[in-house]
Amino acid sequence: MDKVNDRNNTFFRFEDLRIYHKALNYSKSVHEVTRPHVSEQNKLLTDRFNTSAQNIVLNIAEGSARNKSQFIYYLKMAKSAVRECLVLTSIFYNLELFTDAEEDESRNQLMEMTKMIGALISSLQRSSNKKEDESDNYNPDSDMPAD
C-alpha cells in the first residue's frame, strides 16, 4: 500500500495533529543524538531522556481518544514530559554529551512543542466553554435560548 494514501485516510485522530508529528520527530532525534552516549555510565540517563521524549508522543495519542477534559489532562502530561526533556537537555549539555548546536536544537524544538500544546489546550478549553455556555442558555421547553 501507498503510505501517502494511508496517511490521507487516517483512522486515528491524533495522526492529523501537527503536534503529534512534531513530537514524533523529536523522539526520533533524541534517540539518534543520544545513541552514541549509551554506555554503562550514561545508560540510565539516556534511557530516561528517550522515555521522556516518547511520553510526549504517547500522551498526545492517548489523550486524543478521550473526551475534551481528559484530552486536556493528557496534553498537560505531554507538557510535563517536554519540561523533563528540557532538564535532560541541560544535563546532557552540562555533562558535555551535547554540543552547543544539539542543545540549541533540542531547546528550540521543545519551545515550539510547548507553544503548540498550549495552543491546542486553549482551543479545546474555548470550545468546551462555548458548549457549556450554549447548554446553560438552553431552555428545554423551547427551541429558542433562554434569556
N, C-alpha and C. Protein backbone atom coordinates (compact mmCIF):
# COMPACT_ATOMS: atom_id res chain seq x y z
N MET A 1 0.83 -1.19 0.00
CA MET A 1 0.00 0.00 0.00
C MET A 1 0.87 1.25 0.00
N ASP A 2 0.28 2.31 -0.49
CA ASP A 2 0.96 3.59 -0.57
C ASP A 2 0.86 4.32 0.77
N LYS A 3 2.00 4.66 1.36
CA LYS A 3 1.99 5.33 2.66
C LYS A 3 1.28 6.68 2.61
N VAL A 4 1.44 7.41 1.52
CA VAL A 4 0.81 8.72 1.40
C VAL A 4 -0.70 8.58 1.45
N ASN A 5 -1.27 7.62 0.71
CA ASN A 5 -2.71 7.43 0.72
C ASN A 5 -3.20 6.96 2.08
N ASP A 6 -2.41 6.13 2.77
CA ASP A 6 -2.78 5.68 4.10
C ASP A 6 -2.87 6.86 5.06
N ARG A 7 -1.97 7.80 4.93
CA ARG A 7 -1.96 8.95 5.84
C ARG A 7 -3.12 9.89 5.56
N ASN A 8 -3.57 9.96 4.32
CA ASN A 8 -4.70 10.83 4.00
C ASN A 8 -6.01 10.30 4.56
N ASN A 9 -6.09 9.04 4.83
CA ASN A 9 -7.29 8.41 5.35
C ASN A 9 -7.03 7.86 6.74
N THR A 10 -6.58 8.71 7.63
CA THR A 10 -6.21 8.24 8.96
C THR A 10 -7.44 7.84 9.76
N PHE A 11 -7.31 6.77 10.46
CA PHE A 11 -8.35 6.28 11.34
C PHE A 11 -8.20 6.90 12.72
N PHE A 12 -6.94 7.13 13.11
CA PHE A 12 -6.66 7.66 14.43
C PHE A 12 -6.54 9.18 14.36
N ARG A 13 -7.33 9.85 15.15
CA ARG A 13 -7.42 11.31 15.16
C ARG A 13 -6.07 12.00 15.38
N PHE A 14 -5.27 11.45 16.27
CA PHE A 14 -4.02 12.10 16.62
C PHE A 14 -3.07 12.20 15.45
N GLU A 15 -3.22 11.32 14.46
CA GLU A 15 -2.33 11.35 13.30
C GLU A 15 -2.56 12.59 12.43
N ASP A 16 -3.67 13.27 12.66
CA ASP A 16 -3.95 14.51 11.94
C ASP A 16 -3.38 15.74 12.65
N LEU A 17 -2.86 15.56 13.84
CA LEU A 17 -2.34 16.69 14.63
C LEU A 17 -0.88 16.98 14.28
N ARG A 18 -0.60 18.24 13.97
CA ARG A 18 0.79 18.64 13.69
C ARG A 18 1.69 18.40 14.89
N ILE A 19 1.18 18.63 16.10
CA ILE A 19 1.99 18.45 17.30
C ILE A 19 2.39 16.99 17.47
N TYR A 20 1.54 16.08 17.06
CA TYR A 20 1.89 14.66 17.13
C TYR A 20 3.12 14.38 16.27
N HIS A 21 3.12 14.88 15.04
CA HIS A 21 4.24 14.63 14.14
C HIS A 21 5.50 15.35 14.60
N LYS A 22 5.34 16.54 15.17
CA LYS A 22 6.49 17.28 15.71
C LYS A 22 7.10 16.48 16.87
N ALA A 23 6.25 15.96 17.75
CA ALA A 23 6.73 15.18 18.90
C ALA A 23 7.35 13.86 18.45
N LEU A 24 6.78 13.25 17.45
CA LEU A 24 7.33 12.00 16.91
C LEU A 24 8.73 12.23 16.34
N ASN A 25 8.89 13.32 15.61
CA ASN A 25 10.21 13.67 15.06
C ASN A 25 11.21 13.99 16.16
N TYR A 26 10.73 14.67 17.22
CA TYR A 26 11.62 14.98 18.34
C TYR A 26 12.09 13.69 19.02
N SER A 27 11.18 12.77 19.21
CA SER A 27 11.53 11.49 19.83
C SER A 27 12.61 10.78 19.01
N LYS A 28 12.45 10.80 17.71
CA LYS A 28 13.44 10.18 16.83
C LYS A 28 14.79 10.89 16.94
N SER A 29 14.77 12.21 16.98
CA SER A 29 16.04 12.95 17.05
C SER A 29 16.74 12.72 18.39
N VAL A 30 15.97 12.62 19.47
CA VAL A 30 16.57 12.33 20.78
C VAL A 30 17.22 10.95 20.74
N HIS A 31 16.54 10.00 20.15
CA HIS A 31 17.11 8.65 20.04
C HIS A 31 18.43 8.68 19.27
N GLU A 32 18.44 9.40 18.16
CA GLU A 32 19.64 9.46 17.32
C GLU A 32 20.79 10.19 18.00
N VAL A 33 20.49 11.29 18.69
CA VAL A 33 21.56 12.09 19.28
C VAL A 33 22.08 11.48 20.59
N THR A 34 21.26 10.68 21.25
CA THR A 34 21.72 10.05 22.50
C THR A 34 22.36 8.69 22.26
N ARG A 35 22.13 8.09 21.11
CA ARG A 35 22.66 6.75 20.81
C ARG A 35 24.17 6.63 21.05
N PRO A 36 24.98 7.61 20.64
CA PRO A 36 26.42 7.47 20.89
C PRO A 36 26.81 7.51 22.37
N HIS A 37 25.88 7.94 23.22
CA HIS A 37 26.20 8.10 24.65
C HIS A 37 25.70 6.96 25.51
N VAL A 38 25.17 5.92 24.87
CA VAL A 38 24.71 4.77 25.63
C VAL A 38 25.94 4.00 26.09
N SER A 39 26.25 4.16 27.33
CA SER A 39 27.36 3.43 27.95
C SER A 39 26.89 3.04 29.33
N GLU A 40 27.68 2.24 29.99
CA GLU A 40 27.33 1.81 31.34
C GLU A 40 27.06 3.02 32.23
N GLN A 41 27.89 4.03 32.08
CA GLN A 41 27.81 5.22 32.92
C GLN A 41 26.58 6.07 32.60
N ASN A 42 26.20 6.18 31.34
CA ASN A 42 25.13 7.08 30.93
C ASN A 42 23.84 6.37 30.53
N LYS A 43 23.78 5.06 30.69
CA LYS A 43 22.62 4.31 30.22
C LYS A 43 21.32 4.77 30.86
N LEU A 44 21.28 4.94 32.16
CA LEU A 44 20.05 5.36 32.83
C LEU A 44 19.60 6.74 32.37
N LEU A 45 20.55 7.64 32.24
CA LEU A 45 20.25 8.99 31.79
C LEU A 45 19.73 9.00 30.35
N THR A 46 20.36 8.23 29.49
CA THR A 46 19.94 8.12 28.10
C THR A 46 18.55 7.48 27.99
N ASP A 47 18.33 6.43 28.76
CA ASP A 47 17.02 5.77 28.76
C ASP A 47 15.93 6.74 29.23
N ARG A 48 16.23 7.50 30.27
CA ARG A 48 15.25 8.47 30.80
C ARG A 48 14.92 9.52 29.77
N PHE A 49 15.92 10.01 29.06
CA PHE A 49 15.70 11.03 28.03
C PHE A 49 14.81 10.46 26.92
N ASN A 50 15.12 9.27 26.46
CA ASN A 50 14.31 8.65 25.41
C ASN A 50 12.88 8.40 25.88
N THR A 51 12.72 7.94 27.09
CA THR A 51 11.39 7.69 27.64
C THR A 51 10.59 8.99 27.74
N SER A 52 11.22 10.06 28.21
CA SER A 52 10.53 11.34 28.32
C SER A 52 10.10 11.86 26.96
N ALA A 53 10.97 11.74 25.97
CA ALA A 53 10.63 12.17 24.61
C ALA A 53 9.48 11.34 24.06
N GLN A 54 9.49 10.06 24.32
CA GLN A 54 8.40 9.19 23.86
C GLN A 54 7.09 9.50 24.59
N ASN A 55 7.20 9.90 25.84
CA ASN A 55 6.00 10.23 26.61
C ASN A 55 5.24 11.43 26.04
N ILE A 56 5.95 12.34 25.41
CA ILE A 56 5.27 13.46 24.76
C ILE A 56 4.31 12.91 23.71
N VAL A 57 4.83 12.07 22.84
CA VAL A 57 4.03 11.49 21.75
C VAL A 57 2.92 10.61 22.30
N LEU A 58 3.26 9.76 23.26
CA LEU A 58 2.28 8.81 23.80
C LEU A 58 1.12 9.51 24.49
N ASN A 59 1.39 10.58 25.22
CA ASN A 59 0.31 11.30 25.90
C ASN A 59 -0.61 11.99 24.90
N ILE A 60 -0.06 12.53 23.83
CA ILE A 60 -0.88 13.15 22.80
C ILE A 60 -1.79 12.10 22.17
N ALA A 61 -1.23 10.97 21.82
CA ALA A 61 -2.02 9.90 21.19
C ALA A 61 -3.10 9.37 22.13
N GLU A 62 -2.72 9.07 23.36
CA GLU A 62 -3.67 8.52 24.33
C GLU A 62 -4.80 9.51 24.61
N GLY A 63 -4.45 10.76 24.82
CA GLY A 63 -5.46 11.77 25.15
C GLY A 63 -6.46 12.02 24.04
N SER A 64 -6.01 11.87 22.81
CA SER A 64 -6.91 12.16 21.68
C SER A 64 -8.09 11.21 21.61
N ALA A 65 -7.99 10.08 22.24
CA ALA A 65 -9.08 9.09 22.24
C ALA A 65 -10.07 9.34 23.38
N ARG A 66 -9.83 10.37 24.16
CA ARG A 66 -10.66 10.65 25.34
C ARG A 66 -11.58 11.83 25.08
N ASN A 67 -12.39 12.17 26.09
CA ASN A 67 -13.22 13.37 25.97
C ASN A 67 -12.32 14.61 26.13
N LYS A 68 -12.89 15.78 25.90
CA LYS A 68 -12.08 17.00 25.87
C LYS A 68 -11.34 17.27 27.18
N SER A 69 -12.01 17.11 28.30
CA SER A 69 -11.34 17.41 29.57
C SER A 69 -10.20 16.42 29.83
N GLN A 70 -10.40 15.16 29.46
CA GLN A 70 -9.33 14.18 29.61
C GLN A 70 -8.21 14.42 28.61
N PHE A 71 -8.54 14.85 27.40
CA PHE A 71 -7.53 15.18 26.39
C PHE A 71 -6.66 16.32 26.91
N ILE A 72 -7.28 17.32 27.51
CA ILE A 72 -6.53 18.44 28.09
C ILE A 72 -5.58 17.92 29.17
N TYR A 73 -6.05 17.02 30.01
CA TYR A 73 -5.20 16.42 31.04
C TYR A 73 -3.98 15.75 30.41
N TYR A 74 -4.20 14.94 29.38
CA TYR A 74 -3.09 14.24 28.73
C TYR A 74 -2.15 15.23 28.02
N LEU A 75 -2.70 16.29 27.47
CA LEU A 75 -1.83 17.31 26.86
C LEU A 75 -0.97 17.99 27.92
N LYS A 76 -1.53 18.19 29.10
CA LYS A 76 -0.73 18.76 30.19
C LYS A 76 0.36 17.78 30.62
N MET A 77 0.07 16.50 30.56
CA MET A 77 1.09 15.49 30.85
C MET A 77 2.18 15.53 29.78
N ALA A 78 1.79 15.76 28.53
CA ALA A 78 2.76 15.89 27.45
C ALA A 78 3.65 17.11 27.70
N LYS A 79 3.06 18.21 28.18
CA LYS A 79 3.86 19.39 28.51
C LYS A 79 4.83 19.10 29.65
N SER A 80 4.41 18.28 30.59
CA SER A 80 5.29 17.88 31.67
C SER A 80 6.48 17.09 31.12
N ALA A 81 6.23 16.22 30.17
CA ALA A 81 7.31 15.45 29.53
C ALA A 81 8.24 16.37 28.75
N VAL A 82 7.68 17.43 28.16
CA VAL A 82 8.52 18.43 27.47
C VAL A 82 9.48 19.06 28.47
N ARG A 83 8.97 19.42 29.64
CA ARG A 83 9.83 20.03 30.67
C ARG A 83 10.91 19.06 31.13
N GLU A 84 10.56 17.78 31.26
CA GLU A 84 11.57 16.77 31.61
C GLU A 84 12.67 16.74 30.55
N CYS A 85 12.26 16.79 29.29
CA CYS A 85 13.25 16.78 28.19
C CYS A 85 14.13 18.02 28.23
N LEU A 86 13.57 19.14 28.64
CA LEU A 86 14.38 20.36 28.74
C LEU A 86 15.44 20.20 29.82
N VAL A 87 15.05 19.65 30.96
CA VAL A 87 16.01 19.41 32.04
C VAL A 87 17.07 18.41 31.57
N LEU A 88 16.65 17.37 30.91
CA LEU A 88 17.61 16.37 30.43
C LEU A 88 18.53 16.95 29.36
N THR A 89 18.02 17.84 28.54
CA THR A 89 18.86 18.55 27.57
C THR A 89 19.95 19.32 28.30
N SER A 90 19.58 20.01 29.36
CA SER A 90 20.56 20.78 30.15
C SER A 90 21.58 19.86 30.81
N ILE A 91 21.11 18.74 31.32
CA ILE A 91 22.02 17.78 31.96
C ILE A 91 23.02 17.25 30.92
N PHE A 92 22.51 16.83 29.77
CA PHE A 92 23.40 16.33 28.71
C PHE A 92 24.42 17.39 28.31
N TYR A 93 23.96 18.63 28.21
CA TYR A 93 24.85 19.72 27.83
C TYR A 93 25.91 19.96 28.92
N ASN A 94 25.49 19.98 30.16
CA ASN A 94 26.42 20.21 31.28
C ASN A 94 27.44 19.09 31.42
N LEU A 95 27.05 17.89 31.05
CA LEU A 95 27.98 16.75 31.08
C LEU A 95 28.82 16.66 29.80
N GLU A 96 28.64 17.64 28.94
CA GLU A 96 29.36 17.72 27.66
C GLU A 96 29.06 16.53 26.76
N LEU A 97 27.83 16.04 26.86
CA LEU A 97 27.36 14.97 25.98
C LEU A 97 26.61 15.56 24.77
N PHE A 98 26.21 16.81 24.88
CA PHE A 98 25.59 17.55 23.78
C PHE A 98 26.49 18.70 23.38
N THR A 99 26.55 18.94 22.09
CA THR A 99 27.25 20.12 21.58
C THR A 99 26.34 21.33 21.75
N ASP A 100 26.88 22.50 21.51
CA ASP A 100 26.07 23.72 21.56
C ASP A 100 24.91 23.62 20.57
N ALA A 101 25.19 23.11 19.38
CA ALA A 101 24.16 23.00 18.34
C ALA A 101 23.07 22.01 18.74
N GLU A 102 23.46 20.88 19.34
CA GLU A 102 22.47 19.89 19.77
C GLU A 102 21.59 20.44 20.89
N GLU A 103 22.21 21.18 21.81
CA GLU A 103 21.42 21.78 22.89
C GLU A 103 20.44 22.81 22.32
N ASP A 104 20.92 23.68 21.44
CA ASP A 104 20.05 24.69 20.84
C ASP A 104 18.89 24.06 20.08
N GLU A 105 19.19 23.04 19.30
CA GLU A 105 18.15 22.37 18.51
C GLU A 105 17.10 21.73 19.41
N SER A 106 17.53 21.06 20.45
CA SER A 106 16.60 20.44 21.38
C SER A 106 15.73 21.49 22.05
N ARG A 107 16.36 22.56 22.55
CA ARG A 107 15.61 23.62 23.22
C ARG A 107 14.59 24.26 22.29
N ASN A 108 15.00 24.54 21.07
CA ASN A 108 14.09 25.17 20.11
C ASN A 108 12.89 24.28 19.80
N GLN A 109 13.14 23.00 19.61
CA GLN A 109 12.04 22.07 19.35
C GLN A 109 11.11 21.97 20.55
N LEU A 110 11.67 21.95 21.75
CA LEU A 110 10.86 21.86 22.96
C LEU A 110 10.02 23.13 23.16
N MET A 111 10.60 24.28 22.89
CA MET A 111 9.83 25.53 23.00
C MET A 111 8.67 25.55 22.00
N GLU A 112 8.94 25.12 20.79
CA GLU A 112 7.89 25.08 19.77
C GLU A 112 6.77 24.12 20.18
N MET A 113 7.14 22.95 20.68
CA MET A 113 6.12 21.99 21.11
C MET A 113 5.30 22.52 22.28
N THR A 114 5.95 23.21 23.21
CA THR A 114 5.23 23.79 24.34
C THR A 114 4.18 24.78 23.85
N LYS A 115 4.56 25.61 22.91
CA LYS A 115 3.60 26.58 22.36
C LYS A 115 2.47 25.89 21.63
N MET A 116 2.79 24.86 20.86
CA MET A 116 1.76 24.14 20.10
C MET A 116 0.79 23.42 21.04
N ILE A 117 1.31 22.78 22.06
CA ILE A 117 0.45 22.08 23.02
C ILE A 117 -0.41 23.09 23.77
N GLY A 118 0.19 24.20 24.17
CA GLY A 118 -0.56 25.24 24.87
C GLY A 118 -1.70 25.79 24.01
N ALA A 119 -1.43 25.99 22.72
CA ALA A 119 -2.46 26.49 21.81
C ALA A 119 -3.59 25.46 21.65
N LEU A 120 -3.23 24.19 21.59
CA LEU A 120 -4.25 23.14 21.46
C LEU A 120 -5.09 23.06 22.73
N ILE A 121 -4.46 23.17 23.88
CA ILE A 121 -5.20 23.18 25.16
C ILE A 121 -6.17 24.36 25.18
N SER A 122 -5.69 25.53 24.82
CA SER A 122 -6.55 26.73 24.81
C SER A 122 -7.74 26.55 23.87
N SER A 123 -7.48 25.99 22.71
CA SER A 123 -8.55 25.76 21.73
C SER A 123 -9.60 24.80 22.28
N LEU A 124 -9.14 23.73 22.90
CA LEU A 124 -10.07 22.77 23.49
C LEU A 124 -10.87 23.39 24.64
N GLN A 125 -10.21 24.21 25.45
CA GLN A 125 -10.90 24.86 26.56
C GLN A 125 -11.94 25.84 26.06
N ARG A 126 -11.60 26.60 25.02
CA ARG A 126 -12.56 27.55 24.44
C ARG A 126 -13.78 26.83 23.89
N SER A 127 -13.55 25.74 23.17
CA SER A 127 -14.69 25.01 22.59
C SER A 127 -15.53 24.36 23.69
N SER A 128 -14.89 23.92 24.76
CA SER A 128 -15.64 23.34 25.89
C SER A 128 -16.47 24.42 26.57
N ASN A 129 -15.86 25.58 26.79
CA ASN A 129 -16.57 26.69 27.44
C ASN A 129 -17.73 27.17 26.58
N LYS A 130 -17.53 27.21 25.27
CA LYS A 130 -18.59 27.64 24.37
C LYS A 130 -19.78 26.69 24.45
N LYS A 131 -19.51 25.39 24.47
CA LYS A 131 -20.60 24.41 24.56
C LYS A 131 -21.31 24.51 25.91
N GLU A 132 -20.54 24.78 26.99
CA GLU A 132 -21.16 24.93 28.31
C GLU A 132 -22.07 26.15 28.32
N ASP A 133 -21.59 27.25 27.71
CA ASP A 133 -22.40 28.47 27.64
C ASP A 133 -23.68 28.21 26.87
N GLU A 134 -23.59 27.48 25.77
CA GLU A 134 -24.77 27.18 24.97
C GLU A 134 -25.74 26.30 25.75
N SER A 135 -25.23 25.32 26.49
CA SER A 135 -26.12 24.45 27.25
C SER A 135 -26.73 25.18 28.45
N ASP A 136 -26.01 26.17 29.02
CA ASP A 136 -26.56 26.96 30.12
C ASP A 136 -27.74 27.80 29.65
N ASN A 137 -27.73 28.22 28.41
CA ASN A 137 -28.78 29.07 27.87
C ASN A 137 -29.90 28.28 27.22
N TYR A 138 -29.82 26.99 27.24
CA TYR A 138 -30.84 26.18 26.57
C TYR A 138 -32.06 26.02 27.44
N ASN A 139 -33.20 26.26 26.84
CA ASN A 139 -34.48 26.10 27.52
C ASN A 139 -35.13 24.85 26.92
N PRO A 140 -35.27 23.76 27.68
CA PRO A 140 -35.81 22.53 27.11
C PRO A 140 -37.24 22.66 26.62
N ASP A 141 -37.97 23.69 27.07
CA ASP A 141 -39.36 23.87 26.65
C ASP A 141 -39.47 24.66 25.35
N SER A 142 -38.36 25.09 24.83
CA SER A 142 -38.40 25.92 23.64
C SER A 142 -37.21 25.61 22.75
N ASP A 143 -37.33 25.91 21.49
CA ASP A 143 -36.19 25.78 20.58
C ASP A 143 -35.30 27.00 20.63
N MET A 144 -35.73 28.02 21.36
CA MET A 144 -35.00 29.26 21.48
C MET A 144 -34.17 29.27 22.78
N PRO A 145 -33.00 29.90 22.77
CA PRO A 145 -32.23 30.02 24.00
C PRO A 145 -32.98 30.84 25.04
N ALA A 146 -32.74 30.51 26.29
CA ALA A 146 -33.37 31.25 27.39
C ALA A 146 -32.70 32.61 27.54
N ASP A 147 -33.46 33.58 28.07
CA ASP A 147 -32.90 34.93 28.31
C ASP A 147 -32.15 35.00 29.60
